Amino acid sequence: MSDKIIENNQVTIIGEVASEFVFSHEVFGEGFYMVDVLVKRLSNSDDCIPLMISERLIDVHQDYTGEYIMVTGQFRSYNQHEEHKNRLVLSVFVREVSFVEEEVDGAKTNTILLDGYICKRPIYRKTPLGREIADLLLAVNRPYGKSDYIPCICWGRNARFAASFEVGEHVQILGRIQSREYVKKLTETETEKRVAYEVSVSKLECVID
């Protein structure tokens, strides 16, 4: 596997295990499991980030709830087909995992570096309070001709800069993964609470190919 490809999508997270392992799928006899990790924000609220982890990296039959782990890997996406349309599902694909004593104060507990291509026109808007926001969708190449599609959100000066990006433009992004709850309307009478994941951008730049 090409190291160059791995370098374009790097995640490091330190947080508290918040669930038991749930079986996801199997590839060539290797089982993959989902687990949630709570990662503190500077505001002291938490982001709940889903990890996809191989049974070869950790004992998935143990309950580690309340323990702190550090993981490195990639932010991955796949399309889940539901009711005649696809839903983008995001999680951190774990390559390395270790236990840590506790969450480290001031440490980089949630960092992501992405190198990819704008695949949709950026959406620029202002909040009622005048805060500038731009939404980006970044395609990040993976080995074997695959790509991950990562939603990113920019603020302020970064949002103004990102608003001018063209589809196909090559950009690098540094930020953190955040979770956000929202209510999805299913029918006239039914709603469902869901969680969306995106990269909150702290730095971004264009790459001249």
C-alpha atoms as a PDB file:
ATOM      1  CA  MET A   1       0.000   0.000   0.000  1.00  0.00           C
ATOM      2  CA  SER A   2       1.334   3.398  -0.953  1.00  0.00           C
ATOM      3  CA  ASP A   3       2.554   5.549   1.960  1.00  0.00           C
ATOM      4  CA  LYS A   4       1.869   8.587  -0.182  1.00  0.00           C
ATOM      5  CA  ILE A   5      -1.837   7.705  -0.225  1.00  0.00           C
ATOM      6  CA  ILE A   6      -1.849   7.163   3.554  1.00  0.00           C
ATOM      7  CA  GLU A   7      -0.274  10.600   4.114  1.00  0.00           C
ATOM      8  CA  ASN A   8      -3.211  12.396   2.509  1.00  0.00           C
ATOM      9  CA  ASN A   9      -5.611  11.378   5.311  1.00  0.00           C
ATOM     10  CA  GLN A  10      -4.191  11.312   8.842  1.00  0.00           C
ATOM     11  CA  VAL A  11      -6.212  11.319  12.062  1.00  0.00           C
ATOM     12  CA  THR A  12      -5.067  11.230  15.698  1.00  0.00           C
ATOM     13  CA  ILE A  13      -7.644  11.055  18.480  1.00  0.00           C
ATOM     14  CA  ILE A  14      -7.353  10.710  22.258  1.00  0.00           C
ATOM     15  CA  GLY A  15     -10.591  10.137  24.126  1.00  0.00           C
ATOM     16  CA  GLU A  16     -12.765   8.096  26.447  1.00  0.00           C
ATOM     17  CA  VAL A  17     -14.384   4.877  25.231  1.00  0.00           C
ATOM     18  CA  ALA A  18     -18.149   5.473  25.442  1.00  0.00           C
ATOM     19  CA  SER A  19     -19.673   2.198  24.174  1.00  0.00           C
ATOM     20  CA  GLU A  20     -19.099  -1.492  23.738  1.00  0.00           C
ATOM     21  CA  PHE A  21     -17.888  -2.915  20.422  1.00  0.00           C
ATOM     22  CA  VAL A  22     -20.574  -3.630  17.825  1.00  0.00           C
ATOM     23  CA  PHE A  23     -19.862  -5.929  14.861  1.00  0.00           C
ATOM     24  CA  SER A  24     -19.783  -4.078  11.531  1.00  0.00           C
ATOM     25  CA  HIS A  25     -18.517  -6.420   8.808  1.00  0.00           C
ATOM     26  CA  GLU A  26     -15.892  -9.000   7.872  1.00  0.00           C
ATOM     27  CA  VAL A  27     -13.216  -8.877   5.165  1.00  0.00           C
ATOM     28  CA  PHE A  28     -11.273 -12.053   4.312  1.00  0.00           C
ATOM     29  CA  GLY A  29     -12.049 -13.504   7.746  1.00  0.00           C
ATOM     30  CA  GLU A  30     -11.046 -10.345   9.640  1.00  0.00           C
ATOM     31  CA  GLY A  31     -13.873  -8.848  11.720  1.00  0.00           C
ATOM     32  CA  PHE A  32     -14.333  -5.085  12.005  1.00  0.00           C
ATOM     33  CA  TYR A  33     -16.200  -3.480  14.897  1.00  0.00           C
ATOM     34  CA  MET A  34     -17.603  -0.031  15.718  1.00  0.00           C
ATOM     35  CA  VAL A  35     -17.011   1.782  19.019  1.00  0.00           C
ATOM     36  CA  ASP A  36     -17.730   5.370  20.121  1.00  0.00           C
ATOM     37  CA  VAL A  37     -15.118   7.617  21.716  1.00  0.00           C
ATOM     38  CA  LEU A  38     -15.785  10.920  23.518  1.00  0.00           C
ATOM     39  CA  VAL A  39     -13.224  13.615  22.713  1.00  0.00           C
ATOM     40  CA  LYS A  40     -13.194  16.879  24.674  1.00  0.00           C
ATOM     41  CA  ARG A  41     -13.487  20.229  22.909  1.00  0.00           C
ATOM     42  CA  LEU A  42     -11.833  23.378  24.252  1.00  0.00           C
ATOM     43  CA  SER A  43     -15.339  24.498  25.261  1.00  0.00           C
ATOM     44  CA  ASN A  44     -15.466  21.407  27.525  1.00  0.00           C
ATOM     45  CA  SER A  45     -18.303  19.828  25.556  1.00  0.00           C
ATOM     46  CA  ASP A  46     -17.617  16.479  23.859  1.00  0.00           C
ATOM     47  CA  ASP A  47     -17.525  15.187  20.311  1.00  0.00           C
ATOM     48  CA  CYS A  48     -18.693  11.581  20.036  1.00  0.00           C
ATOM     49  CA  ILE A  49     -16.602  10.034  17.270  1.00  0.00           C
ATOM     50  CA  PRO A  50     -17.219   6.554  15.808  1.00  0.00           C
ATOM     51  CA  LEU A  51     -14.183   4.315  15.302  1.00  0.00           C
ATOM     52  CA  MET A  52     -13.982   1.281  13.037  1.00  0.00           C
ATOM     53  CA  ILE A  53     -11.438  -1.120  14.444  1.00  0.00           C
ATOM     54  CA  SER A  54     -10.152  -4.591  13.551  1.00  0.00           C
ATOM     55  CA  GLU A  55     -10.453  -7.476  16.002  1.00  0.00           C
ATOM     56  CA  ARG A  56      -6.717  -7.981  15.371  1.00  0.00           C
ATOM     57  CA  LEU A  57      -5.869  -4.658  17.044  1.00  0.00           C
ATOM     58  CA  ILE A  58      -7.854  -5.018  20.284  1.00  0.00           C
ATOM     59  CA  ASP A  59      -9.914  -7.581  22.232  1.00  0.00           C
ATOM     60  CA  VAL A  60     -13.356  -6.595  20.941  1.00  0.00           C
ATOM     61  CA  HIS A  61     -15.118  -8.869  23.458  1.00  0.00           C
ATOM     62  CA  GLN A  62     -13.949  -6.740  26.387  1.00  0.00           C
ATOM     63  CA  ASP A  63     -15.864  -3.696  27.603  1.00  0.00           C
ATOM     64  CA  TYR A  64     -13.421  -0.776  27.821  1.00  0.00           C
ATOM     65  CA  THR A  65     -16.087   1.864  28.596  1.00  0.00           C
ATOM     66  CA  GLY A  66     -14.545   4.709  30.632  1.00  0.00           C
ATOM     67  CA  GLU A  67     -10.957   3.923  29.588  1.00  0.00           C
ATOM     68  CA  TYR A  68      -8.876   6.351  27.543  1.00  0.00           C
ATOM     69  CA  ILE A  69      -7.357   5.374  24.222  1.00  0.00           C
ATOM     70  CA  MET A  70      -5.216   7.001  21.589  1.00  0.00           C
ATOM     71  CA  VAL A  71      -5.796   6.010  17.975  1.00  0.00           C
ATOM     72  CA  THR A  72      -4.289   6.925  14.630  1.00  0.00           C
ATOM     73  CA  GLY A  73      -5.869   6.183  11.281  1.00  0.00           C
ATOM     74  CA  GLN A  74      -7.929   7.719   8.475  1.00  0.00           C
ATOM     75  CA  PHE A  75     -11.349   9.388   8.263  1.00  0.00           C
ATOM     76  CA  ARG A  76     -13.328   7.135   5.921  1.00  0.00           C
ATOM     77  CA  SER A  77     -16.707   7.366   4.210  1.00  0.00           C
ATOM     78  CA  TYR A  78     -19.044   4.870   2.598  1.00  0.00           C
ATOM     79  CA  ASN A  79     -22.535   5.074   1.157  1.00  0.00           C
ATOM     80  CA  GLN A  80     -25.275   3.335   3.112  1.00  0.00           C
ATOM     81  CA  HIS A  81     -28.307   2.678   0.953  1.00  0.00           C
ATOM     82  CA  GLU A  82     -31.579   3.476   2.669  1.00  0.00           C
ATOM     83  CA  GLU A  83     -35.042   4.104   1.267  1.00  0.00           C
ATOM     84  CA  HIS A  84     -34.131   4.825  -2.366  1.00  0.00           C
ATOM     85  CA  LYS A  85     -31.159   7.047  -1.591  1.00  0.00           C
ATOM     86  CA  ASN A  86     -27.620   6.893  -0.268  1.00  0.00           C
ATOM     87  CA  ARG A  87     -26.528   8.272   3.075  1.00  0.00           C
ATOM     88  CA  LEU A  88     -22.877   9.162   3.651  1.00  0.00           C
ATOM     89  CA  VAL A  89     -21.574   7.303   6.726  1.00  0.00           C
ATOM     90  CA  LEU A  90     -18.291   8.491   8.279  1.00  0.00           C
ATOM     91  CA  SER A  91     -15.963   6.892  10.817  1.00  0.00           C
ATOM     92  CA  VAL A  92     -12.291   6.790  11.798  1.00  0.00           C
ATOM     93  CA  PHE A  93     -10.638   3.665  10.367  1.00  0.00           C
ATOM     94  CA  VAL A  94      -8.103   2.743  13.057  1.00  0.00           C
ATOM     95  CA  ARG A  95      -4.587   1.611  12.157  1.00  0.00           C
ATOM     96  CA  GLU A  96      -2.961   1.836  15.603  1.00  0.00           C
ATOM     97  CA  VAL A  97      -4.465   1.893  19.082  1.00  0.00           C
ATOM     98  CA  SER A  98      -2.959   2.246  22.565  1.00  0.00           C
ATOM     99  CA  PHE A  99      -4.315   2.868  26.052  1.00  0.00           C
ATOM    100  CA  VAL A 100      -3.362   6.077  27.842  1.00  0.00           C
ATOM    101  CA  GLU A 101      -3.629   7.000  31.519  1.00  0.00           C
ATOM    102  CA  GLU A 102      -6.234   9.688  30.901  1.00  0.00           C
ATOM    103  CA  GLU A 103      -7.005  12.515  28.555  1.00  0.00           C
ATOM    104  CA  VAL A 104      -3.931  14.726  28.329  1.00  0.00           C
ATOM    105  CA  ASP A 105      -4.547  18.408  29.083  1.00  0.00           C
ATOM    106  CA  GLY A 106      -3.653  20.679  26.201  1.00  0.00           C
ATOM    107  CA  ALA A 107      -2.585  17.771  24.039  1.00  0.00           C
ATOM    108  CA  LYS A 108      -3.697  17.520  20.438  1.00  0.00           C
ATOM    109  CA  THR A 109      -6.571  15.203  21.280  1.00  0.00           C
ATOM    110  CA  ASN A 110      -8.286  15.557  17.912  1.00  0.00           C
ATOM    111  CA  THR A 111      -6.328  16.397  14.761  1.00  0.00           C
ATOM    112  CA  ILE A 112      -6.896  15.597  11.111  1.00  0.00           C
ATOM    113  CA  LEU A 113      -4.863  16.373   8.015  1.00  0.00           C
ATOM    114  CA  LEU A 114      -6.541  15.957   4.616  1.00  0.00           C
ATOM    115  CA  ASP A 115      -5.156  16.415   1.110  1.00  0.00           C
ATOM    116  CA  GLY A 116      -7.838  16.170  -1.554  1.00  0.00           C
ATOM    117  CA  TYR A 117     -10.002  17.771  -4.211  1.00  0.00           C
ATOM    118  CA  ILE A 118     -13.125  19.938  -4.045  1.00  0.00           C
ATOM    119  CA  CYS A 119     -15.928  17.816  -5.512  1.00  0.00           C
ATOM    120  CA  LYS A 120     -18.922  20.173  -5.069  1.00  0.00           C
ATOM    121  CA  ARG A 121     -19.329  23.947  -5.277  1.00  0.00           C
ATOM    122  CA  PRO A 122     -18.634  25.369  -1.789  1.00  0.00           C
ATOM    123  CA  ILE A 123     -21.732  26.696  -0.006  1.00  0.00           C
ATOM    124  CA  TYR A 124     -21.072  30.073   1.625  1.00  0.00           C
ATOM    125  CA  ARG A 125     -23.530  31.656   4.052  1.00  0.00           C
ATOM    126  CA  LYS A 126     -23.834  33.908   7.078  1.00  0.00           C
ATOM    127  CA  THR A 127     -25.507  33.080  10.388  1.00  0.00           C
ATOM    128  CA  PRO A 128     -28.184  35.459  11.775  1.00  0.00           C
ATOM    129  CA  LEU A 129     -25.395  36.913  13.948  1.00  0.00           C
ATOM    130  CA  GLY A 130     -23.236  37.595  10.878  1.00  0.00           C
ATOM    131  CA  ARG A 131     -20.756  34.748  11.318  1.00  0.00           C
ATOM    132  CA  GLU A 132     -19.373  33.529   7.986  1.00  0.00           C
ATOM    133  CA  ILE A 133     -19.489  29.809   7.189  1.00  0.00           C
ATOM    134  CA  ALA A 134     -18.532  27.762   4.132  1.00  0.00           C
ATOM    135  CA  ASP A 135     -19.317  24.059   3.621  1.00  0.00           C
ATOM    136  CA  LEU A 136     -16.925  22.002   1.492  1.00  0.00           C
ATOM    137  CA  LEU A 137     -17.024  18.408   0.282  1.00  0.00           C
ATOM    138  CA  LEU A 138     -13.522  17.031  -0.173  1.00  0.00           C
ATOM    139  CA  ALA A 139     -12.683  13.889  -2.166  1.00  0.00           C
ATOM    140  CA  VAL A 140      -9.591  12.219  -0.694  1.00  0.00           C
ATOM    141  CA  ASN A 141      -7.990   9.432  -2.736  1.00  0.00           C
ATOM    142  CA  ARG A 142      -7.493   5.987  -1.267  1.00  0.00           C
ATOM    143  CA  PRO A 143      -5.576   2.980  -2.662  1.00  0.00           C
ATOM    144  CA  TYR A 144      -7.181   0.777  -5.332  1.00  0.00           C
ATOM    145  CA  GLY A 145      -8.974   3.664  -7.050  1.00  0.00           C
ATOM    146  CA  LYS A 146     -11.310   4.487  -4.163  1.00  0.00           C
ATOM    147  CA  SER A 147     -12.046   7.873  -2.583  1.00  0.00           C
ATOM    148  CA  ASP A 148     -13.443   9.119   0.703  1.00  0.00           C
ATOM    149  CA  TYR A 149     -15.871  12.045   0.646  1.00  0.00           C
ATOM    150  CA  ILE A 150     -15.358  14.243   3.689  1.00  0.00           C
ATOM    151  CA  PRO A 151     -17.663  17.154   4.620  1.00  0.00           C
ATOM    152  CA  CYS A 152     -15.680  20.132   5.966  1.00  0.00           C
ATOM    153  CA  ILE A 153     -16.835  23.394   7.541  1.00  0.00           C
ATOM    154  CA  CYS A 154     -14.862  26.666   7.490  1.00  0.00           C
ATOM    155  CA  TRP A 155     -15.413  29.819   9.544  1.00  0.00           C
ATOM    156  CA  GLY A 156     -14.623  33.525   9.182  1.00  0.00           C
ATOM    157  CA  ARG A 157     -11.649  34.332   6.984  1.00  0.00           C
ATOM    158  CA  ASN A 158     -11.268  30.656   5.990  1.00  0.00           C
ATOM    159  CA  ALA A 159     -14.913  30.639   4.863  1.00  0.00           C
ATOM    160  CA  ARG A 160     -14.372  33.693   2.627  1.00  0.00           C
ATOM    161  CA  PHE A 161     -11.271  32.055   1.118  1.00  0.00           C
ATOM    162  CA  ALA A 162     -13.012  28.694   0.611  1.00  0.00           C
ATOM    163  CA  ALA A 163     -16.034  30.309  -1.073  1.00  0.00           C
ATOM    164  CA  SER A 164     -13.912  31.012  -4.168  1.00  0.00           C
ATOM    165  CA  PHE A 165     -12.786  27.392  -4.654  1.00  0.00           C
ATOM    166  CA  GLU A 166     -13.663  25.706  -7.936  1.00  0.00           C
ATOM    167  CA  VAL A 167     -14.694  22.067  -8.330  1.00  0.00           C
ATOM    168  CA  GLY A 168     -11.540  19.995  -8.907  1.00  0.00           C
ATOM    169  CA  GLU A 169      -9.271  22.377  -7.001  1.00  0.00           C
ATOM    170  CA  HIS A 170      -6.547  20.659  -4.949  1.00  0.00           C
ATOM    171  CA  VAL A 171      -6.530  21.707  -1.277  1.00  0.00           C
ATOM    172  CA  GLN A 172      -4.931  20.709   2.028  1.00  0.00           C
ATOM    173  CA  ILE A 173      -6.866  21.011   5.268  1.00  0.00           C
ATOM    174  CA  LEU A 174      -5.881  20.867   8.924  1.00  0.00           C
ATOM    175  CA  GLY A 175      -8.621  20.656  11.537  1.00  0.00           C
ATOM    176  CA  ARG A 176     -10.568  18.484  13.949  1.00  0.00           C
ATOM    177  CA  ILE A 177     -13.449  16.022  13.603  1.00  0.00           C
ATOM    178  CA  GLN A 178     -16.660  17.196  15.204  1.00  0.00           C
ATOM    179  CA  SER A 179     -20.066  15.620  15.785  1.00  0.00           C
ATOM    180  CA  ARG A 180     -23.370  17.477  15.519  1.00  0.00           C
ATOM    181  CA  GLU A 181     -26.860  16.278  16.397  1.00  0.00           C
ATOM    182  CA  TYR A 182     -29.782  17.100  14.116  1.00  0.00           C
ATOM    183  CA  VAL A 183     -33.374  15.996  13.622  1.00  0.00           C
ATOM    184  CA  LYS A 184     -34.200  14.221  10.357  1.00  0.00           C
ATOM    185  CA  LYS A 185     -37.799  14.431   9.143  1.00  0.00           C
ATOM    186  CA  LEU A 186     -38.827  10.946   7.954  1.00  0.00           C
ATOM    187  CA  THR A 187     -42.525  11.540   7.241  1.00  0.00           C
ATOM    188  CA  GLU A 188     -45.119  14.203   8.069  1.00  0.00           C
ATOM    189  CA  THR A 189     -45.378  12.838  11.599  1.00  0.00           C
ATOM    190  CA  GLU A 190     -42.076  11.021  12.191  1.00  0.00           C
ATOM    191  CA  THR A 191     -38.666  12.449  12.982  1.00  0.00           C
ATOM    192  CA  GLU A 192     -35.405  10.807  14.034  1.00  0.00           C
ATOM    193  CA  LYS A 193     -32.455  12.239  15.937  1.00  0.00           C
ATOM    194  CA  ARG A 194     -29.207  11.648  14.037  1.00  0.00           C
ATOM    195  CA  VAL A 195     -25.557  12.636  14.322  1.00  0.00           C
ATOM    196  CA  ALA A 196     -23.561  14.221  11.503  1.00  0.00           C
ATOM    197  CA  TYR A 197     -19.766  14.310  11.368  1.00  0.00           C
ATOM    198  CA  GLU A 198     -17.600  16.902   9.675  1.00  0.00           C
ATOM    199  CA  VAL A 199     -14.122  18.394   9.796  1.00  0.00           C
ATOM    200  CA  SER A 200     -13.954  21.807  11.455  1.00  0.00           C
ATOM    201  CA  VAL A 201     -11.186  23.550   9.506  1.00  0.00           C
ATOM    202  CA  SER A 202      -8.471  25.534  11.292  1.00  0.00           C
ATOM    203  CA  LYS A 203      -6.093  25.917   8.312  1.00  0.00           C
ATOM    204  CA  LEU A 204      -6.510  25.417   4.583  1.00  0.00           C
ATOM    205  CA  GLU A 205      -4.454  26.130   1.505  1.00  0.00           C
ATOM    206  CA  CYS A 206      -4.560  25.548  -2.218  1.00  0.00           C
ATOM    207  CA  VAL A 207      -2.024  23.187  -3.732  1.00  0.00           C
ATOM    208  CA  ILE A 208      -0.626  24.096  -7.153  1.00  0.00           C
ATOM    209  CA  ASP A 209      -0.298  20.825  -9.065  1.00  0.00           C
END
